[in-house]
């Protein structure tokens, strides 16, 4: 919903546009490309060219990450991300987080056992010293 008045209009033909129409690439009435969309396409092409040059200079193989050319497009995924869902585990069936959890649990158990034996041993020595007097 736009505010009352003529806030959004085509810079070429002057037609009143809704916010949804303004988010498009061109005017639905005169079919002229919006200036902000044209600039975004030019800037995206320049960014893609610079990224390709930098990656070639640094010796990376494969296609460089591409900046989206569409105005209002979602940000690109991180480089190397799987766009189709969860990234497969590179360790096969092995889960390193489960191993860390088991190690932490084992360390806690050992710590509590050592502390318990230390306290019991200290109390035992105290009782023995009290009875030996």
Protein backbone atom coordinates (compact mmCIF):
# COMPACT_ATOMS: atom_id res chain seq x y z
CA UNK A 1 0.00 0.00 0.00
CA UNK A 2 1.41 3.34 -0.97
CA UNK A 3 0.79 6.58 0.81
CA UNK A 4 -1.69 9.05 -0.63
CA UNK A 5 -0.30 11.24 -3.35
CA UNK A 6 1.91 10.52 -6.32
CA UNK A 7 5.05 9.25 -4.53
CA UNK A 8 6.08 6.59 -7.00
CA UNK A 9 6.07 7.49 -10.67
CA UNK A 10 7.94 6.41 -13.77
CA UNK A 11 10.75 8.88 -14.54
CA UNK A 12 10.09 8.48 -18.29
CA UNK A 13 6.31 8.50 -18.80
CA UNK A 14 5.20 9.79 -15.38
CA UNK A 15 2.74 6.93 -14.75
CA UNK A 16 1.85 6.27 -11.10
CA UNK A 17 3.43 3.03 -9.90
CA UNK A 18 2.80 0.87 -6.90
CA UNK A 19 5.71 -0.27 -4.79
CA UNK A 20 5.48 -3.76 -6.32
CA UNK A 21 5.64 -2.31 -9.85
CA UNK A 22 8.60 -0.15 -8.82
CA UNK A 23 10.44 -3.23 -7.57
CA UNK A 24 10.31 -4.66 -11.08
CA UNK A 25 12.90 -4.13 -13.78
CA UNK A 26 10.92 -1.86 -16.10
CA UNK A 27 7.83 0.32 -16.27
CA UNK A 28 4.72 -1.76 -17.04
CA UNK A 29 3.34 1.07 -19.17
CA UNK A 30 6.21 2.36 -21.34
CA UNK A 31 8.56 -0.65 -20.81
CA UNK A 32 11.57 1.56 -20.08
CA UNK A 33 14.16 0.04 -17.75
CA UNK A 34 14.23 1.83 -14.39
CA UNK A 35 17.46 3.77 -13.77
CA UNK A 36 18.17 2.00 -10.47
CA UNK A 37 17.90 -1.38 -12.19
CA UNK A 38 20.19 -0.32 -15.02
CA UNK A 39 22.82 0.91 -12.54
CA UNK A 40 22.53 -2.30 -10.51
CA UNK A 41 23.16 -4.42 -13.63
CA UNK A 42 26.21 -2.31 -14.55
CA UNK A 43 27.62 -2.50 -11.03
CA UNK A 44 27.02 -6.26 -10.81
CA UNK A 45 28.85 -6.79 -14.11
CA UNK A 46 31.77 -4.69 -12.85
CA UNK A 47 31.90 -6.59 -9.54
CA UNK A 48 31.85 -9.93 -11.40
CA UNK A 49 34.69 -8.76 -13.65
CA UNK A 50 36.82 -7.62 -10.69
CA UNK A 51 36.14 -10.88 -8.80
CA UNK A 52 37.18 -12.94 -11.84
CA UNK A 53 40.41 -10.93 -12.20
CA UNK A 54 41.27 -11.25 -8.50
CA UNK A 55 40.64 -14.98 -8.46
CA UNK A 56 42.74 -15.46 -11.61
CA UNK A 57 45.62 -13.49 -10.04
CA UNK A 58 45.46 -15.56 -6.84
CA UNK A 59 45.40 -18.85 -8.74
CA UNK A 60 41.94 -20.06 -7.75
CA UNK A 61 40.28 -22.51 -10.10
CA UNK A 62 36.61 -22.62 -10.99
CA UNK A 63 34.03 -19.94 -11.50
CA UNK A 64 34.18 -16.91 -9.21
CA UNK A 65 31.17 -16.08 -7.06
CA UNK A 66 28.65 -14.05 -9.04
CA UNK A 67 26.90 -10.92 -7.81
CA UNK A 68 23.19 -11.00 -8.67
CA UNK A 69 22.23 -8.52 -11.38
CA UNK A 70 18.57 -8.25 -10.41
CA UNK A 71 17.49 -5.32 -8.26
CA UNK A 72 16.18 -6.60 -4.95
CA UNK A 73 17.67 -10.07 -5.39
CA UNK A 74 18.53 -11.95 -2.20
CA UNK A 75 22.19 -11.83 -1.17
CA UNK A 76 24.34 -14.56 -2.69
CA UNK A 77 25.12 -17.64 -0.64
CA UNK A 78 28.61 -17.91 0.88
CA UNK A 79 31.25 -19.21 -1.50
CA UNK A 80 31.15 -22.98 -1.67
CA UNK A 81 27.72 -23.28 -0.02
CA UNK A 82 25.31 -25.93 -1.24
CA UNK A 83 22.23 -24.10 -2.61
CA UNK A 84 20.17 -27.29 -2.54
CA UNK A 85 20.09 -27.91 1.19
CA UNK A 86 22.33 -29.33 3.85
CA UNK A 87 26.00 -29.70 3.01
CA UNK A 88 27.04 -33.36 2.96
CA UNK A 89 29.29 -34.46 5.81
CA UNK A 90 32.89 -34.58 4.48
CA UNK A 91 33.75 -37.24 7.07
CA UNK A 92 31.25 -39.79 5.71
CA UNK A 93 29.32 -41.43 8.55
CA UNK A 94 31.69 -40.04 11.21
CA UNK A 95 30.27 -37.14 13.23
CA UNK A 96 33.02 -35.05 14.90
CA UNK A 97 30.55 -33.14 17.10
CA UNK A 98 29.35 -36.42 18.64
CA UNK A 99 32.95 -37.38 19.38
CA UNK A 100 33.55 -34.03 21.08
CA UNK A 101 30.38 -34.47 23.17
CA UNK A 102 31.49 -37.96 24.27
CA UNK A 103 34.96 -36.66 25.16
CA UNK A 104 33.53 -33.82 27.25
CA UNK A 105 31.19 -36.20 29.07
CA UNK A 106 34.03 -38.64 29.77
CA UNK A 107 36.23 -35.78 31.07
CA UNK A 108 33.48 -34.59 33.41
CA UNK A 109 32.96 -38.09 34.81
CA UNK A 110 36.69 -38.54 35.41
CA UNK A 111 36.94 -35.12 37.09
CA UNK A 112 34.04 -35.85 39.45
CA UNK A 113 35.42 -39.29 40.33
CA UNK A 114 38.88 -37.88 41.11
CA UNK A 115 37.39 -35.10 43.26
CA UNK A 116 35.16 -37.59 45.11
CA UNK A 117 38.09 -39.93 45.86
CA UNK A 118 40.23 -36.98 46.97
CA UNK A 119 37.54 -35.77 49.38
CA UNK A 120 36.92 -39.28 50.73
CA UNK A 121 40.66 -39.90 51.16
CA UNK A 122 41.11 -36.58 53.00
CA UNK A 123 38.15 -37.32 55.30
CA UNK A 124 39.51 -40.84 55.89
CA UNK A 125 42.91 -39.49 56.92
CA UNK A 126 41.21 -37.00 59.25
CA UNK A 127 39.13 -39.74 60.88
CA UNK A 128 42.21 -41.98 61.22
CA UNK A 129 44.22 -39.15 62.82
CA UNK A 130 41.33 -38.41 65.21
CA UNK A 131 40.99 -42.05 66.28
CA UNK A 132 44.75 -42.63 66.56
CA UNK A 133 45.25 -40.00 69.30
